[in-house]
């Protein structure tokens, strides 16, 4: 089966490890992964009507404006958890090597997936997201 979409979707190591704390069943973790793979079509999100390819809502995290860090909101309940957010990083174009050099597609990085318990992100959350971005830049 060939590649679909226009991006690779990769989890950071911390992002994969943190999923285990919220979802203990393997099936639930794979459901999170399946939902994350919708980010393959991130660059095509404006070309199609709502619900065609990208059926979840998203927005840039306001406290991290301009850094390319977004939150994707899930409406469904997965493994008994609701109000699930997937925090991901869309790297700027100057970070991406030319197509065909190291990767045939650009990479969208999933920083974390977690159930959100309050309206605002805590200072610790924001620091963790900034730190994950810095690690990807290095």
C-alpha atoms as a PDB file:
ATOM      1  CA  UNK A   1       0.000   0.000   0.000  1.00  0.00           C
ATOM      2  CA  UNK A   2       1.401   3.394  -0.950  1.00  0.00           C
ATOM      3  CA  UNK A   3       1.679   6.509   1.155  1.00  0.00           C
ATOM      4  CA  UNK A   4      -1.407   8.688   1.372  1.00  0.00           C
ATOM      5  CA  UNK A   5      -1.716  12.287   2.370  1.00  0.00           C
ATOM      6  CA  UNK A   6       0.934  14.947   2.081  1.00  0.00           C
ATOM      7  CA  UNK A   7       2.692  14.636   5.484  1.00  0.00           C
ATOM      8  CA  UNK A   8       4.340  12.042   7.681  1.00  0.00           C
ATOM      9  CA  UNK A   9       2.890  11.953  11.192  1.00  0.00           C
ATOM     10  CA  UNK A  10       5.343  11.072  13.942  1.00  0.00           C
ATOM     11  CA  UNK A  11       5.021  10.975  17.718  1.00  0.00           C
ATOM     12  CA  UNK A  12       7.804  12.285  19.896  1.00  0.00           C
ATOM     13  CA  UNK A  13       9.181   9.753  22.364  1.00  0.00           C
ATOM     14  CA  UNK A  14       7.664  11.638  25.279  1.00  0.00           C
ATOM     15  CA  UNK A  15       4.348  11.778  23.430  1.00  0.00           C
ATOM     16  CA  UNK A  16       4.271   8.000  23.071  1.00  0.00           C
ATOM     17  CA  UNK A  17       5.218   7.426  26.701  1.00  0.00           C
ATOM     18  CA  UNK A  18       2.637   9.884  28.044  1.00  0.00           C
ATOM     19  CA  UNK A  19      -0.198   8.080  26.250  1.00  0.00           C
ATOM     20  CA  UNK A  20       0.418   5.044  28.463  1.00  0.00           C
ATOM     21  CA  UNK A  21      -0.502   7.053  31.552  1.00  0.00           C
ATOM     22  CA  UNK A  22      -3.959   7.938  30.248  1.00  0.00           C
ATOM     23  CA  UNK A  23      -4.827   4.833  28.210  1.00  0.00           C
ATOM     24  CA  UNK A  24      -3.674   1.485  29.573  1.00  0.00           C
ATOM     25  CA  UNK A  25      -5.340  -0.712  26.948  1.00  0.00           C
ATOM     26  CA  UNK A  26      -3.432  -1.207  23.711  1.00  0.00           C
ATOM     27  CA  UNK A  27      -6.616  -0.839  21.649  1.00  0.00           C
ATOM     28  CA  UNK A  28      -7.211   2.629  23.102  1.00  0.00           C
ATOM     29  CA  UNK A  29      -3.626   3.673  22.333  1.00  0.00           C
ATOM     30  CA  UNK A  30      -4.030   2.487  18.750  1.00  0.00           C
ATOM     31  CA  UNK A  31      -7.258   4.470  18.486  1.00  0.00           C
ATOM     32  CA  UNK A  32      -5.313   7.599  19.496  1.00  0.00           C
ATOM     33  CA  UNK A  33      -2.735   6.735  16.848  1.00  0.00           C
ATOM     34  CA  UNK A  34      -5.453   6.251  14.227  1.00  0.00           C
ATOM     35  CA  UNK A  35      -6.878   9.664  15.057  1.00  0.00           C
ATOM     36  CA  UNK A  36      -3.399  11.208  14.852  1.00  0.00           C
ATOM     37  CA  UNK A  37      -2.906   9.800  11.364  1.00  0.00           C
ATOM     38  CA  UNK A  38      -5.576  12.217  10.135  1.00  0.00           C
ATOM     39  CA  UNK A  39      -2.842  14.833  10.333  1.00  0.00           C
ATOM     40  CA  UNK A  40      -1.460  13.300   7.119  1.00  0.00           C
ATOM     41  CA  UNK A  41      -3.925  15.596   5.376  1.00  0.00           C
ATOM     42  CA  UNK A  42      -3.032  18.707   7.428  1.00  0.00           C
ATOM     43  CA  UNK A  43      -1.826  20.680   4.401  1.00  0.00           C
ATOM     44  CA  UNK A  44      -5.057  19.911   2.517  1.00  0.00           C
ATOM     45  CA  UNK A  45      -7.387  21.023   5.324  1.00  0.00           C
ATOM     46  CA  UNK A  46      -8.553  24.165   3.490  1.00  0.00           C
ATOM     47  CA  UNK A  47      -9.090  22.498   0.110  1.00  0.00           C
ATOM     48  CA  UNK A  48     -12.069  20.367   1.132  1.00  0.00           C
ATOM     49  CA  UNK A  49     -15.324  21.089   2.921  1.00  0.00           C
ATOM     50  CA  UNK A  50     -15.641  20.523   6.672  1.00  0.00           C
ATOM     51  CA  UNK A  51     -15.848  16.879   7.616  1.00  0.00           C
ATOM     52  CA  UNK A  52     -14.448  15.567   4.340  1.00  0.00           C
ATOM     53  CA  UNK A  53     -10.880  14.735   5.347  1.00  0.00           C
ATOM     54  CA  UNK A  54     -10.364  16.593   8.582  1.00  0.00           C
ATOM     55  CA  UNK A  55     -13.409  16.173  10.820  1.00  0.00           C
ATOM     56  CA  UNK A  56     -11.933  17.443  14.110  1.00  0.00           C
ATOM     57  CA  UNK A  57     -11.643  21.054  15.192  1.00  0.00           C
ATOM     58  CA  UNK A  58      -8.249  22.598  15.839  1.00  0.00           C
ATOM     59  CA  UNK A  59      -6.662  25.891  16.779  1.00  0.00           C
ATOM     60  CA  UNK A  60      -3.280  27.305  17.596  1.00  0.00           C
ATOM     61  CA  UNK A  61      -2.505  27.410  21.311  1.00  0.00           C
ATOM     62  CA  UNK A  62      -2.896  31.119  22.074  1.00  0.00           C
ATOM     63  CA  UNK A  63      -0.118  31.296  24.669  1.00  0.00           C
ATOM     64  CA  UNK A  64       2.291  29.811  22.105  1.00  0.00           C
ATOM     65  CA  UNK A  65       1.167  31.959  19.191  1.00  0.00           C
ATOM     66  CA  UNK A  66       3.528  31.931  16.227  1.00  0.00           C
ATOM     67  CA  UNK A  67       5.407  28.773  17.284  1.00  0.00           C
ATOM     68  CA  UNK A  68       3.373  26.384  15.122  1.00  0.00           C
ATOM     69  CA  UNK A  69       1.947  24.428  18.071  1.00  0.00           C
ATOM     70  CA  UNK A  70      -1.717  23.460  17.692  1.00  0.00           C
ATOM     71  CA  UNK A  71      -4.311  21.501  19.602  1.00  0.00           C
ATOM     72  CA  UNK A  72      -6.635  19.074  17.841  1.00  0.00           C
ATOM     73  CA  UNK A  73      -9.932  18.443  19.676  1.00  0.00           C
ATOM     74  CA  UNK A  74     -11.643  15.044  19.693  1.00  0.00           C
ATOM     75  CA  UNK A  75     -15.374  14.843  20.263  1.00  0.00           C
ATOM     76  CA  UNK A  76     -15.426  11.097  20.863  1.00  0.00           C
ATOM     77  CA  UNK A  77     -14.655   9.269  24.060  1.00  0.00           C
ATOM     78  CA  UNK A  78     -11.670   6.930  23.918  1.00  0.00           C
ATOM     79  CA  UNK A  79     -11.007   4.447  26.708  1.00  0.00           C
ATOM     80  CA  UNK A  80     -13.314   6.219  29.147  1.00  0.00           C
ATOM     81  CA  UNK A  81     -11.575   9.575  28.615  1.00  0.00           C
ATOM     82  CA  UNK A  82     -13.354  12.539  27.087  1.00  0.00           C
ATOM     83  CA  UNK A  83     -12.353  16.085  26.117  1.00  0.00           C
ATOM     84  CA  UNK A  84      -9.215  14.705  24.455  1.00  0.00           C
ATOM     85  CA  UNK A  85      -6.633  17.062  22.960  1.00  0.00           C
ATOM     86  CA  UNK A  86      -3.778  16.167  20.679  1.00  0.00           C
ATOM     87  CA  UNK A  87      -1.012  18.761  20.775  1.00  0.00           C
ATOM     88  CA  UNK A  88       1.049  18.778  17.598  1.00  0.00           C
ATOM     89  CA  UNK A  89       3.770  20.825  15.982  1.00  0.00           C
ATOM     90  CA  UNK A  90       3.706  22.011  12.391  1.00  0.00           C
ATOM     91  CA  UNK A  91       7.342  22.950  11.661  1.00  0.00           C
ATOM     92  CA  UNK A  92       8.083  26.061   9.602  1.00  0.00           C
ATOM     93  CA  UNK A  93       9.094  25.543   5.989  1.00  0.00           C
ATOM     94  CA  UNK A  94      12.717  26.569   6.610  1.00  0.00           C
ATOM     95  CA  UNK A  95      13.118  23.590   8.988  1.00  0.00           C
ATOM     96  CA  UNK A  96      12.083  21.109   6.326  1.00  0.00           C
ATOM     97  CA  UNK A  97      14.835  19.706   4.115  1.00  0.00           C
ATOM     98  CA  UNK A  98      14.149  19.572   0.392  1.00  0.00           C
ATOM     99  CA  UNK A  99      11.833  16.813  -0.772  1.00  0.00           C
ATOM    100  CA  UNK A 100      13.801  13.690  -1.606  1.00  0.00           C
ATOM    101  CA  UNK A 101      16.864  14.573   0.504  1.00  0.00           C
ATOM    102  CA  UNK A 102      16.075  12.770   3.749  1.00  0.00           C
ATOM    103  CA  UNK A 103      12.303  12.221   3.644  1.00  0.00           C
ATOM    104  CA  UNK A 104       9.899  12.239   0.723  1.00  0.00           C
ATOM    105  CA  UNK A 105       7.340  14.219   2.760  1.00  0.00           C
ATOM    106  CA  UNK A 106       7.448  16.783   5.524  1.00  0.00           C
ATOM    107  CA  UNK A 107       6.788  15.675   9.100  1.00  0.00           C
ATOM    108  CA  UNK A 108       4.011  16.774  11.464  1.00  0.00           C
ATOM    109  CA  UNK A 109       5.091  15.988  15.032  1.00  0.00           C
ATOM    110  CA  UNK A 110       2.571  14.894  17.680  1.00  0.00           C
ATOM    111  CA  UNK A 111       3.888  16.237  20.979  1.00  0.00           C
ATOM    112  CA  UNK A 112       1.239  14.804  23.292  1.00  0.00           C
ATOM    113  CA  UNK A 113      -2.270  13.398  23.463  1.00  0.00           C
ATOM    114  CA  UNK A 114      -4.120  13.924  26.722  1.00  0.00           C
ATOM    115  CA  UNK A 115      -7.565  14.430  28.224  1.00  0.00           C
ATOM    116  CA  UNK A 116      -7.878  18.098  29.137  1.00  0.00           C
ATOM    117  CA  UNK A 117      -9.306  18.668  32.611  1.00  0.00           C
ATOM    118  CA  UNK A 118      -9.512  22.482  32.655  1.00  0.00           C
ATOM    119  CA  UNK A 119     -10.122  25.266  30.162  1.00  0.00           C
ATOM    120  CA  UNK A 120      -6.657  26.802  30.181  1.00  0.00           C
ATOM    121  CA  UNK A 121      -3.273  25.189  29.703  1.00  0.00           C
ATOM    122  CA  UNK A 122      -1.084  25.293  32.799  1.00  0.00           C
ATOM    123  CA  UNK A 123       2.329  26.918  32.829  1.00  0.00           C
ATOM    124  CA  UNK A 124       3.875  23.447  33.108  1.00  0.00           C
ATOM    125  CA  UNK A 125       1.988  22.301  29.993  1.00  0.00           C
ATOM    126  CA  UNK A 126       3.157  25.306  27.987  1.00  0.00           C
ATOM    127  CA  UNK A 127       6.760  24.828  29.117  1.00  0.00           C
ATOM    128  CA  UNK A 128       6.599  21.146  28.154  1.00  0.00           C
ATOM    129  CA  UNK A 129       5.259  21.993  24.674  1.00  0.00           C
ATOM    130  CA  UNK A 130       7.940  24.678  24.143  1.00  0.00           C
ATOM    131  CA  UNK A 131      10.632  22.243  25.291  1.00  0.00           C
ATOM    132  CA  UNK A 132       9.430  19.535  22.921  1.00  0.00           C
ATOM    133  CA  UNK A 133       9.582  22.044  20.070  1.00  0.00           C
ATOM    134  CA  UNK A 134      13.144  22.985  21.021  1.00  0.00           C
ATOM    135  CA  UNK A 135      14.174  19.313  21.044  1.00  0.00           C
ATOM    136  CA  UNK A 136      12.809  18.889  17.540  1.00  0.00           C
ATOM    137  CA  UNK A 137      14.684  21.948  16.348  1.00  0.00           C
ATOM    138  CA  UNK A 138      18.054  20.626  17.547  1.00  0.00           C
END
